[in-house]
Amino acid sequence: MSQSTVIDEIFDAFQRRGQKTYGERVNMSEHMLQSAYFAEQAGAKPTLIASALLHDIGHLIHDLGEDIADKGIDAIHEEVGAEYLEKYFVPAVSEPARLHVAAKRYLCAVDPQYFAELSAASVQSLALQGGPFSAEEVQTFEQSPFFEDAIQLRRFDEMGKVPQMATPELEHYRPFLEAGLRA
């Protein structure tokens, strides 16, 4: 698949399924665009901006429905998404996306204030995802080569839940996605 085709396929998924909701006050497209916007505003490297845009792509490609968490099921969207992304993107894009749930679990274990600020939907999904990390899981996660990027991505993820916030259009992020594609 050509680079342009991959990006067009991703943009098509945003168009077809991005209006899905997931318990937050924004839909999936709004959330992912906001996450990328906050990454760009923070001066993140292009691959992390691409990862911020794509971190929840698993929600756009699985067919489990919008209310999956209400049914007590973890959609493992981070794994579904990362498996898709790693076919086309460098690890600096796919791995922070894969680890953004682990980063939430990590931050809940090491920062009580972080947990206190989670939305109700994020608390619900945290329980399905295994809850805060154990001390051993914290140490293991800190050894990941993508630990810092995953933590940054998680912060952008939490910021990206602002109703009716204006962001650049999806096309604005094409160069960031191109920068993260495998050669």
N, C-alpha and C. Protein backbone atom coordinates (compact mmCIF):
# COMPACT_ATOMS: atom_id res chain seq x y z
N MET A 1 0.85 -1.17 0.00
CA MET A 1 0.00 0.00 0.00
C MET A 1 0.90 1.24 0.00
N SER A 2 0.60 2.22 -0.84
CA SER A 2 1.41 3.43 -0.90
C SER A 2 1.20 4.29 0.34
N GLN A 3 2.14 5.19 0.59
CA GLN A 3 2.03 6.07 1.75
C GLN A 3 0.75 6.90 1.70
N SER A 4 0.46 7.44 0.55
CA SER A 4 -0.74 8.26 0.39
C SER A 4 -1.99 7.43 0.64
N THR A 5 -1.99 6.18 0.16
CA THR A 5 -3.14 5.31 0.33
C THR A 5 -3.38 4.99 1.81
N VAL A 6 -2.31 4.75 2.56
CA VAL A 6 -2.44 4.45 3.99
C VAL A 6 -3.07 5.64 4.71
N ILE A 7 -2.56 6.82 4.44
CA ILE A 7 -3.10 8.01 5.10
C ILE A 7 -4.54 8.26 4.67
N ASP A 8 -4.83 8.07 3.40
CA ASP A 8 -6.21 8.23 2.95
C ASP A 8 -7.14 7.22 3.62
N GLU A 9 -6.65 6.00 3.83
CA GLU A 9 -7.44 4.97 4.53
C GLU A 9 -7.73 5.41 5.97
N ILE A 10 -6.73 5.96 6.62
CA ILE A 10 -6.91 6.45 7.99
C ILE A 10 -7.91 7.61 8.01
N PHE A 11 -7.76 8.54 7.08
CA PHE A 11 -8.70 9.67 7.02
C PHE A 11 -10.11 9.17 6.76
N ASP A 12 -10.24 8.15 5.94
CA ASP A 12 -11.56 7.56 5.68
C ASP A 12 -12.16 6.97 6.96
N ALA A 13 -11.34 6.31 7.76
CA ALA A 13 -11.83 5.77 9.04
C ALA A 13 -12.30 6.89 9.96
N PHE A 14 -11.58 8.00 9.97
CA PHE A 14 -12.03 9.16 10.75
C PHE A 14 -13.40 9.63 10.26
N GLN A 15 -13.57 9.70 8.95
CA GLN A 15 -14.83 10.18 8.38
C GLN A 15 -15.99 9.21 8.65
N ARG A 16 -15.72 7.92 8.48
CA ARG A 16 -16.79 6.93 8.63
C ARG A 16 -17.16 6.66 10.07
N ARG A 17 -16.18 6.65 10.97
CA ARG A 17 -16.44 6.18 12.32
C ARG A 17 -16.05 7.17 13.42
N GLY A 18 -15.52 8.30 13.03
CA GLY A 18 -15.04 9.27 14.00
C GLY A 18 -16.11 9.93 14.84
N GLN A 19 -17.36 9.81 14.42
CA GLN A 19 -18.45 10.42 15.20
C GLN A 19 -18.87 9.54 16.37
N LYS A 20 -18.24 8.36 16.47
CA LYS A 20 -18.54 7.47 17.60
C LYS A 20 -18.22 8.18 18.91
N THR A 21 -19.00 7.88 19.90
CA THR A 21 -18.74 8.43 21.23
C THR A 21 -18.23 7.30 22.11
N TYR A 22 -17.65 7.67 23.22
CA TYR A 22 -17.05 6.66 24.09
C TYR A 22 -17.16 7.06 25.55
N GLY A 23 -18.22 7.82 25.87
CA GLY A 23 -18.45 8.20 27.26
C GLY A 23 -17.91 9.56 27.63
N GLU A 24 -17.19 10.19 26.74
CA GLU A 24 -16.67 11.53 27.00
C GLU A 24 -17.60 12.57 26.36
N ARG A 25 -17.28 13.82 26.54
CA ARG A 25 -18.12 14.90 26.01
C ARG A 25 -17.74 15.29 24.58
N VAL A 26 -16.82 14.54 23.99
CA VAL A 26 -16.41 14.74 22.60
C VAL A 26 -16.45 13.39 21.89
N ASN A 27 -16.54 13.44 20.55
CA ASN A 27 -16.50 12.18 19.81
C ASN A 27 -15.05 11.78 19.54
N MET A 28 -14.86 10.65 18.92
CA MET A 28 -13.51 10.12 18.70
C MET A 28 -12.66 11.06 17.83
N SER A 29 -13.21 11.56 16.75
CA SER A 29 -12.43 12.46 15.89
C SER A 29 -12.03 13.72 16.64
N GLU A 30 -12.96 14.31 17.35
CA GLU A 30 -12.63 15.51 18.12
C GLU A 30 -11.52 15.21 19.13
N HIS A 31 -11.65 14.10 19.81
CA HIS A 31 -10.66 13.73 20.82
C HIS A 31 -9.27 13.53 20.22
N MET A 32 -9.21 12.81 19.12
CA MET A 32 -7.92 12.51 18.52
C MET A 32 -7.29 13.77 17.90
N LEU A 33 -8.12 14.61 17.28
CA LEU A 33 -7.60 15.87 16.74
C LEU A 33 -7.11 16.79 17.86
N GLN A 34 -7.85 16.84 18.95
CA GLN A 34 -7.41 17.67 20.08
C GLN A 34 -6.11 17.15 20.68
N SER A 35 -5.99 15.85 20.81
CA SER A 35 -4.75 15.27 21.35
C SER A 35 -3.56 15.66 20.49
N ALA A 36 -3.72 15.57 19.17
CA ALA A 36 -2.66 15.96 18.24
C ALA A 36 -2.38 17.46 18.33
N TYR A 37 -3.42 18.24 18.45
CA TYR A 37 -3.26 19.69 18.57
C TYR A 37 -2.43 20.03 19.81
N PHE A 38 -2.76 19.43 20.94
CA PHE A 38 -2.01 19.71 22.17
C PHE A 38 -0.56 19.23 22.05
N ALA A 39 -0.33 18.13 21.37
CA ALA A 39 1.04 17.66 21.15
C ALA A 39 1.80 18.66 20.29
N GLU A 40 1.17 19.13 19.24
CA GLU A 40 1.83 20.10 18.37
C GLU A 40 2.11 21.40 19.13
N GLN A 41 1.15 21.87 19.90
CA GLN A 41 1.33 23.10 20.67
C GLN A 41 2.46 22.97 21.69
N ALA A 42 2.68 21.76 22.19
CA ALA A 42 3.74 21.52 23.17
C ALA A 42 5.11 21.38 22.51
N GLY A 43 5.14 21.40 21.18
CA GLY A 43 6.41 21.27 20.47
C GLY A 43 6.91 19.83 20.39
N ALA A 44 6.00 18.89 20.48
CA ALA A 44 6.39 17.48 20.39
C ALA A 44 6.98 17.18 19.02
N LYS A 45 7.79 16.15 18.97
CA LYS A 45 8.37 15.74 17.69
C LYS A 45 7.26 15.23 16.77
N PRO A 46 7.48 15.30 15.46
CA PRO A 46 6.43 14.91 14.51
C PRO A 46 5.86 13.51 14.73
N THR A 47 6.71 12.54 15.09
CA THR A 47 6.20 11.19 15.29
C THR A 47 5.28 11.10 16.51
N LEU A 48 5.53 11.91 17.54
CA LEU A 48 4.65 11.90 18.70
C LEU A 48 3.33 12.61 18.39
N ILE A 49 3.38 13.63 17.55
CA ILE A 49 2.15 14.28 17.10
C ILE A 49 1.32 13.28 16.31
N ALA A 50 1.97 12.52 15.43
CA ALA A 50 1.26 11.49 14.67
C ALA A 50 0.67 10.44 15.62
N SER A 51 1.43 10.03 16.61
CA SER A 51 0.93 9.05 17.58
C SER A 51 -0.25 9.60 18.36
N ALA A 52 -0.18 10.88 18.73
CA ALA A 52 -1.30 11.50 19.45
C ALA A 52 -2.56 11.50 18.58
N LEU A 53 -2.39 11.77 17.29
CA LEU A 53 -3.55 11.75 16.39
C LEU A 53 -4.12 10.34 16.26
N LEU A 54 -3.26 9.34 16.25
CA LEU A 54 -3.67 7.98 15.95
C LEU A 54 -3.83 7.07 17.17
N HIS A 55 -3.63 7.58 18.36
CA HIS A 55 -3.58 6.71 19.54
C HIS A 55 -4.85 5.90 19.77
N ASP A 56 -5.99 6.39 19.35
CA ASP A 56 -7.25 5.67 19.54
C ASP A 56 -7.80 5.08 18.23
N ILE A 57 -6.94 4.90 17.23
CA ILE A 57 -7.39 4.35 15.95
C ILE A 57 -8.05 2.98 16.13
N GLY A 58 -7.66 2.26 17.16
CA GLY A 58 -8.28 0.96 17.42
C GLY A 58 -9.79 1.06 17.61
N HIS A 59 -10.26 2.17 18.17
CA HIS A 59 -11.70 2.38 18.32
C HIS A 59 -12.38 2.56 16.96
N LEU A 60 -11.63 3.07 16.00
CA LEU A 60 -12.22 3.31 14.68
C LEU A 60 -12.17 2.09 13.78
N ILE A 61 -11.38 1.08 14.16
CA ILE A 61 -11.28 -0.09 13.28
C ILE A 61 -11.89 -1.36 13.89
N HIS A 62 -12.19 -1.35 15.19
CA HIS A 62 -12.88 -2.54 15.73
C HIS A 62 -14.38 -2.39 15.54
N ASP A 63 -15.08 -3.48 15.61
CA ASP A 63 -16.53 -3.48 15.39
C ASP A 63 -17.29 -3.86 16.65
N LEU A 64 -16.82 -3.42 17.80
CA LEU A 64 -17.42 -3.85 19.06
C LEU A 64 -18.52 -2.91 19.57
N GLY A 65 -18.73 -1.79 18.91
CA GLY A 65 -19.77 -0.87 19.34
C GLY A 65 -19.23 0.20 20.27
N GLU A 66 -20.03 1.25 20.42
CA GLU A 66 -19.63 2.41 21.22
C GLU A 66 -19.75 2.16 22.72
N ASP A 67 -20.65 1.28 23.12
CA ASP A 67 -20.94 1.09 24.55
C ASP A 67 -20.26 -0.15 25.12
N ILE A 68 -19.16 -0.54 24.54
CA ILE A 68 -18.47 -1.77 24.93
C ILE A 68 -18.08 -1.76 26.41
N ALA A 69 -17.59 -0.61 26.90
CA ALA A 69 -17.19 -0.53 28.32
C ALA A 69 -18.40 -0.70 29.24
N ASP A 70 -19.55 -0.19 28.81
CA ASP A 70 -20.78 -0.34 29.61
C ASP A 70 -21.18 -1.80 29.75
N LYS A 71 -20.72 -2.62 28.82
CA LYS A 71 -21.00 -4.06 28.86
C LYS A 71 -19.93 -4.82 29.63
N GLY A 72 -18.96 -4.08 30.20
CA GLY A 72 -17.92 -4.71 31.00
C GLY A 72 -16.82 -5.37 30.20
N ILE A 73 -16.62 -4.90 28.97
CA ILE A 73 -15.63 -5.51 28.09
C ILE A 73 -14.56 -4.49 27.74
N ASP A 74 -13.30 -4.88 27.89
CA ASP A 74 -12.18 -4.06 27.46
C ASP A 74 -11.93 -4.37 26.00
N ALA A 75 -12.07 -3.38 25.14
CA ALA A 75 -11.90 -3.58 23.70
C ALA A 75 -10.43 -3.72 23.30
N ILE A 76 -9.52 -3.59 24.25
CA ILE A 76 -8.08 -3.59 23.99
C ILE A 76 -7.74 -2.77 22.72
N HIS A 77 -8.38 -1.60 22.64
CA HIS A 77 -8.22 -0.75 21.46
C HIS A 77 -6.77 -0.36 21.22
N GLU A 78 -5.98 -0.26 22.30
CA GLU A 78 -4.58 0.12 22.14
C GLU A 78 -3.81 -0.96 21.38
N GLU A 79 -4.12 -2.22 21.62
CA GLU A 79 -3.46 -3.32 20.90
C GLU A 79 -3.97 -3.43 19.48
N VAL A 80 -5.29 -3.33 19.31
CA VAL A 80 -5.89 -3.37 17.96
C VAL A 80 -5.28 -2.27 17.10
N GLY A 81 -5.22 -1.06 17.68
CA GLY A 81 -4.66 0.07 16.95
C GLY A 81 -3.19 -0.08 16.65
N ALA A 82 -2.42 -0.49 17.64
CA ALA A 82 -0.97 -0.62 17.45
C ALA A 82 -0.64 -1.70 16.42
N GLU A 83 -1.40 -2.78 16.41
CA GLU A 83 -1.16 -3.83 15.41
C GLU A 83 -1.39 -3.30 14.00
N TYR A 84 -2.37 -2.45 13.84
CA TYR A 84 -2.61 -1.82 12.55
C TYR A 84 -1.47 -0.84 12.23
N LEU A 85 -1.15 0.03 13.18
CA LEU A 85 -0.15 1.07 12.95
C LEU A 85 1.23 0.52 12.64
N GLU A 86 1.64 -0.55 13.33
CA GLU A 86 3.01 -1.05 13.16
C GLU A 86 3.25 -1.60 11.75
N LYS A 87 2.20 -1.88 11.01
CA LYS A 87 2.37 -2.33 9.62
C LYS A 87 2.89 -1.19 8.74
N TYR A 88 2.55 0.04 9.09
CA TYR A 88 2.81 1.17 8.21
C TYR A 88 3.70 2.25 8.82
N PHE A 89 3.77 2.32 10.14
CA PHE A 89 4.46 3.41 10.81
C PHE A 89 5.65 2.90 11.62
N VAL A 90 6.60 3.80 11.84
CA VAL A 90 7.78 3.48 12.65
C VAL A 90 7.34 3.29 14.11
N PRO A 91 8.14 2.58 14.91
CA PRO A 91 7.79 2.36 16.31
C PRO A 91 7.56 3.65 17.11
N ALA A 92 8.20 4.74 16.73
CA ALA A 92 7.99 6.01 17.45
C ALA A 92 6.55 6.51 17.31
N VAL A 93 5.80 5.97 16.36
CA VAL A 93 4.37 6.28 16.23
C VAL A 93 3.54 5.17 16.87
N SER A 94 3.81 3.92 16.53
CA SER A 94 2.96 2.82 16.98
C SER A 94 3.12 2.49 18.47
N GLU A 95 4.33 2.60 19.00
CA GLU A 95 4.55 2.17 20.39
C GLU A 95 3.96 3.11 21.44
N PRO A 96 4.10 4.42 21.31
CA PRO A 96 3.39 5.27 22.29
C PRO A 96 1.88 5.04 22.25
N ALA A 97 1.33 4.81 21.04
CA ALA A 97 -0.10 4.50 20.94
C ALA A 97 -0.42 3.19 21.66
N ARG A 98 0.42 2.20 21.46
CA ARG A 98 0.23 0.91 22.15
C ARG A 98 0.28 1.09 23.67
N LEU A 99 1.13 1.98 24.13
CA LEU A 99 1.39 2.13 25.57
C LEU A 99 0.54 3.19 26.25
N HIS A 100 -0.37 3.85 25.54
CA HIS A 100 -1.09 4.95 26.20
C HIS A 100 -2.03 4.46 27.30
N VAL A 101 -2.52 3.25 27.22
CA VAL A 101 -3.32 2.69 28.32
C VAL A 101 -2.41 2.31 29.48
N ALA A 102 -1.28 1.71 29.19
CA ALA A 102 -0.32 1.39 30.23
C ALA A 102 0.13 2.67 30.94
N ALA A 103 0.28 3.75 30.18
CA ALA A 103 0.68 5.03 30.78
C ALA A 103 -0.38 5.53 31.75
N LYS A 104 -1.64 5.33 31.42
CA LYS A 104 -2.72 5.71 32.36
C LYS A 104 -2.61 4.87 33.63
N ARG A 105 -2.43 3.59 33.47
CA ARG A 105 -2.31 2.71 34.64
C ARG A 105 -1.09 3.09 35.47
N TYR A 106 0.00 3.43 34.81
CA TYR A 106 1.22 3.87 35.49
C TYR A 106 0.96 5.15 36.28
N LEU A 107 0.42 6.16 35.61
CA LEU A 107 0.18 7.44 36.27
C LEU A 107 -0.78 7.31 37.44
N CYS A 108 -1.75 6.44 37.33
CA CYS A 108 -2.67 6.20 38.45
C CYS A 108 -1.94 5.58 39.64
N ALA A 109 -0.91 4.81 39.37
CA ALA A 109 -0.15 4.16 40.45
C ALA A 109 0.82 5.12 41.12
N VAL A 110 1.36 6.07 40.38
CA VAL A 110 2.41 6.93 40.93
C VAL A 110 1.96 8.35 41.26
N ASP A 111 0.78 8.73 40.80
CA ASP A 111 0.32 10.11 40.99
C ASP A 111 -1.16 10.13 41.39
N PRO A 112 -1.45 10.18 42.69
CA PRO A 112 -2.86 10.18 43.14
C PRO A 112 -3.67 11.34 42.55
N GLN A 113 -3.02 12.47 42.29
CA GLN A 113 -3.72 13.62 41.70
C GLN A 113 -4.20 13.29 40.29
N TYR A 114 -3.40 12.53 39.56
CA TYR A 114 -3.78 12.15 38.20
C TYR A 114 -5.09 11.35 38.24
N PHE A 115 -5.14 10.36 39.11
CA PHE A 115 -6.36 9.55 39.22
C PHE A 115 -7.55 10.41 39.59
N ALA A 116 -7.36 11.35 40.48
CA ALA A 116 -8.46 12.20 40.95
C ALA A 116 -9.04 13.05 39.82
N GLU A 117 -8.27 13.29 38.78
CA GLU A 117 -8.72 14.14 37.67
C GLU A 117 -9.28 13.36 36.49
N LEU A 118 -9.29 12.03 36.55
CA LEU A 118 -9.83 11.23 35.45
C LEU A 118 -11.33 11.43 35.33
N SER A 119 -11.80 11.40 34.09
CA SER A 119 -13.23 11.46 33.84
C SER A 119 -13.87 10.14 34.28
N ALA A 120 -15.18 10.15 34.42
CA ALA A 120 -15.90 8.93 34.80
C ALA A 120 -15.67 7.81 33.78
N ALA A 121 -15.67 8.16 32.50
CA ALA A 121 -15.44 7.16 31.45
C ALA A 121 -14.04 6.58 31.54
N SER A 122 -13.07 7.41 31.88
CA SER A 122 -11.69 6.93 32.00
C SER A 122 -11.51 6.05 33.23
N VAL A 123 -12.20 6.37 34.30
CA VAL A 123 -12.16 5.52 35.51
C VAL A 123 -12.79 4.16 35.19
N GLN A 124 -13.91 4.19 34.46
CA GLN A 124 -14.58 2.94 34.09
C GLN A 124 -13.65 2.07 33.23
N SER A 125 -13.02 2.67 32.24
CA SER A 125 -12.14 1.88 31.38
C SER A 125 -10.89 1.43 32.14
N LEU A 126 -10.40 2.24 33.07
CA LEU A 126 -9.25 1.85 33.89
C LEU A 126 -9.53 0.54 34.61
N ALA A 127 -10.70 0.41 35.18
CA ALA A 127 -11.05 -0.82 35.89
C ALA A 127 -11.02 -2.02 34.94
N LEU A 128 -11.50 -1.83 33.72
CA LEU A 128 -11.51 -2.92 32.74
C LEU A 128 -10.10 -3.22 32.24
N GLN A 129 -9.23 -2.25 32.28
CA GLN A 129 -7.87 -2.39 31.76
C GLN A 129 -6.88 -2.92 32.79
N GLY A 130 -7.35 -3.20 33.99
CA GLY A 130 -6.49 -3.80 35.00
C GLY A 130 -6.18 -2.92 36.19
N GLY A 131 -6.69 -1.69 36.20
CA GLY A 131 -6.47 -0.79 37.32
C GLY A 131 -5.05 -0.27 37.37
N PRO A 132 -4.73 0.49 38.41
CA PRO A 132 -3.37 1.03 38.54
C PRO A 132 -2.34 -0.10 38.57
N PHE A 133 -1.16 0.20 38.06
CA PHE A 133 -0.07 -0.76 38.06
C PHE A 133 0.36 -1.13 39.47
N SER A 134 0.87 -2.33 39.60
CA SER A 134 1.55 -2.75 40.84
C SER A 134 2.94 -2.12 40.83
N ALA A 135 3.64 -2.20 41.94
CA ALA A 135 5.00 -1.66 42.03
C ALA A 135 5.91 -2.33 40.99
N GLU A 136 5.74 -3.61 40.81
CA GLU A 136 6.56 -4.33 39.81
C GLU A 136 6.23 -3.85 38.39
N GLU A 137 4.95 -3.66 38.10
CA GLU A 137 4.55 -3.17 36.78
C GLU A 137 5.08 -1.76 36.53
N VAL A 138 5.10 -0.94 37.57
CA VAL A 138 5.66 0.41 37.45
C VAL A 138 7.11 0.33 37.02
N GLN A 139 7.89 -0.50 37.69
CA GLN A 139 9.32 -0.63 37.36
C GLN A 139 9.53 -1.14 35.95
N THR A 140 8.75 -2.11 35.56
CA THR A 140 8.87 -2.67 34.20
C THR A 140 8.53 -1.61 33.16
N PHE A 141 7.44 -0.88 33.38
CA PHE A 141 7.02 0.14 32.43
C PHE A 141 8.08 1.23 32.28
N GLU A 142 8.71 1.61 33.37
CA GLU A 142 9.73 2.65 33.33
C GLU A 142 10.94 2.25 32.49
N GLN A 143 11.09 0.97 32.21
CA GLN A 143 12.21 0.48 31.39
C GLN A 143 11.90 0.50 29.90
N SER A 144 10.67 0.76 29.53
CA SER A 144 10.30 0.78 28.12
C SER A 144 11.04 1.90 27.39
N PRO A 145 11.55 1.62 26.20
CA PRO A 145 12.21 2.69 25.44
C PRO A 145 11.24 3.81 25.03
N PHE A 146 9.95 3.55 25.12
CA PHE A 146 8.95 4.55 24.74
C PHE A 146 8.19 5.09 25.97
N PHE A 147 8.76 4.87 27.14
CA PHE A 147 8.14 5.29 28.40
C PHE A 147 7.79 6.79 28.39
N GLU A 148 8.78 7.64 28.12
CA GLU A 148 8.55 9.08 28.18
C GLU A 148 7.54 9.54 27.13
N ASP A 149 7.63 9.01 25.92
CA ASP A 149 6.66 9.38 24.88
C ASP A 149 5.26 8.92 25.26
N ALA A 150 5.15 7.75 25.85
CA ALA A 150 3.84 7.25 26.26
C ALA A 150 3.23 8.13 27.35
N ILE A 151 4.04 8.60 28.27
CA ILE A 151 3.55 9.48 29.33
C ILE A 151 3.10 10.81 28.73
N GLN A 152 3.90 11.36 27.83
CA GLN A 152 3.50 12.61 27.17
C GLN A 152 2.21 12.41 26.40
N LEU A 153 2.13 11.33 25.64
CA LEU A 153 0.92 11.06 24.88
C LEU A 153 -0.29 10.96 25.80
N ARG A 154 -0.12 10.30 26.94
CA ARG A 154 -1.24 10.16 27.88
C ARG A 154 -1.71 11.53 28.37
N ARG A 155 -0.79 12.42 28.60
CA ARG A 155 -1.16 13.78 29.03
C ARG A 155 -1.95 14.49 27.93
N PHE A 156 -1.50 14.36 26.68
CA PHE A 156 -2.25 14.96 25.57
C PHE A 156 -3.62 14.32 25.43
N ASP A 157 -3.69 13.01 25.65
CA ASP A 157 -4.94 12.26 25.61
C ASP A 157 -5.93 12.85 26.63
N GLU A 158 -5.48 13.07 27.84
CA GLU A 158 -6.37 13.60 28.88
C GLU A 158 -6.81 15.03 28.56
N MET A 159 -5.95 15.80 27.93
CA MET A 159 -6.29 17.18 27.59
C MET A 159 -7.33 17.23 26.47
N GLY A 160 -7.35 16.22 25.61
CA GLY A 160 -8.17 16.23 24.41
C GLY A 160 -9.61 15.82 24.63
N LYS A 161 -10.28 16.50 25.53
CA LYS A 161 -11.68 16.16 25.83
C LYS A 161 -12.51 17.42 26.05
N VAL A 162 -12.24 18.45 25.23
CA VAL A 162 -12.86 19.75 25.39
C VAL A 162 -14.01 19.90 24.38
N PRO A 163 -15.25 19.97 24.85
CA PRO A 163 -16.37 20.12 23.92
C PRO A 163 -16.25 21.38 23.06
N GLN A 164 -16.54 21.22 21.80
CA GLN A 164 -16.61 22.30 20.82
C GLN A 164 -15.31 23.09 20.66
N MET A 165 -14.20 22.46 20.95
CA MET A 165 -12.90 23.13 20.77
C MET A 165 -12.52 23.12 19.29
N ALA A 166 -12.05 24.26 18.81
CA ALA A 166 -11.59 24.35 17.42
C ALA A 166 -10.18 23.78 17.32
N THR A 167 -9.97 22.96 16.32
CA THR A 167 -8.65 22.39 16.02
C THR A 167 -8.42 22.49 14.52
N PRO A 168 -7.18 22.33 14.09
CA PRO A 168 -6.95 22.24 12.65
C PRO A 168 -7.69 21.03 12.08
N GLU A 169 -7.97 21.09 10.80
CA GLU A 169 -8.61 19.98 10.11
C GLU A 169 -7.65 18.79 10.05
N LEU A 170 -8.19 17.63 9.80
CA LEU A 170 -7.42 16.40 9.72
C LEU A 170 -6.27 16.52 8.71
N GLU A 171 -6.53 17.15 7.58
CA GLU A 171 -5.52 17.29 6.52
C GLU A 171 -4.25 18.00 7.04
N HIS A 172 -4.40 18.86 8.01
CA HIS A 172 -3.26 19.57 8.59
C HIS A 172 -2.20 18.59 9.12
N TYR A 173 -2.66 17.42 9.54
CA TYR A 173 -1.75 16.45 10.17
C TYR A 173 -1.12 15.48 9.18
N ARG A 174 -1.45 15.59 7.90
CA ARG A 174 -0.86 14.69 6.90
C ARG A 174 0.68 14.71 6.94
N PRO A 175 1.33 15.87 7.00
CA PRO A 175 2.81 15.85 7.04
C PRO A 175 3.37 15.11 8.25
N PHE A 176 2.69 15.18 9.38
CA PHE A 176 3.15 14.47 10.57
C PHE A 176 3.02 12.96 10.37
N LEU A 177 1.92 12.54 9.75
CA LEU A 177 1.74 11.13 9.46
C LEU A 177 2.78 10.66 8.45
N GLU A 178 3.02 11.47 7.42
CA GLU A 178 4.03 11.12 6.42
C GLU A 178 5.41 10.96 7.06
N ALA A 179 5.71 11.82 8.04
CA ALA A 179 7.01 11.75 8.72
C ALA A 179 7.18 10.47 9.51
N GLY A 180 6.05 9.86 9.91
CA GLY A 180 6.12 8.66 10.72
C GLY A 180 5.95 7.36 9.95
N LEU A 181 5.75 7.44 8.67
CA LEU A 181 5.57 6.22 7.87
C LEU A 181 6.89 5.47 7.72
N ARG A 182 6.78 4.14 7.65
CA ARG A 182 7.96 3.32 7.35
C ARG A 182 8.44 3.63 5.95
N ALA A 183 9.73 3.55 5.74
CA ALA A 183 10.30 3.83 4.40
C ALA A 183 9.88 2.76 3.40
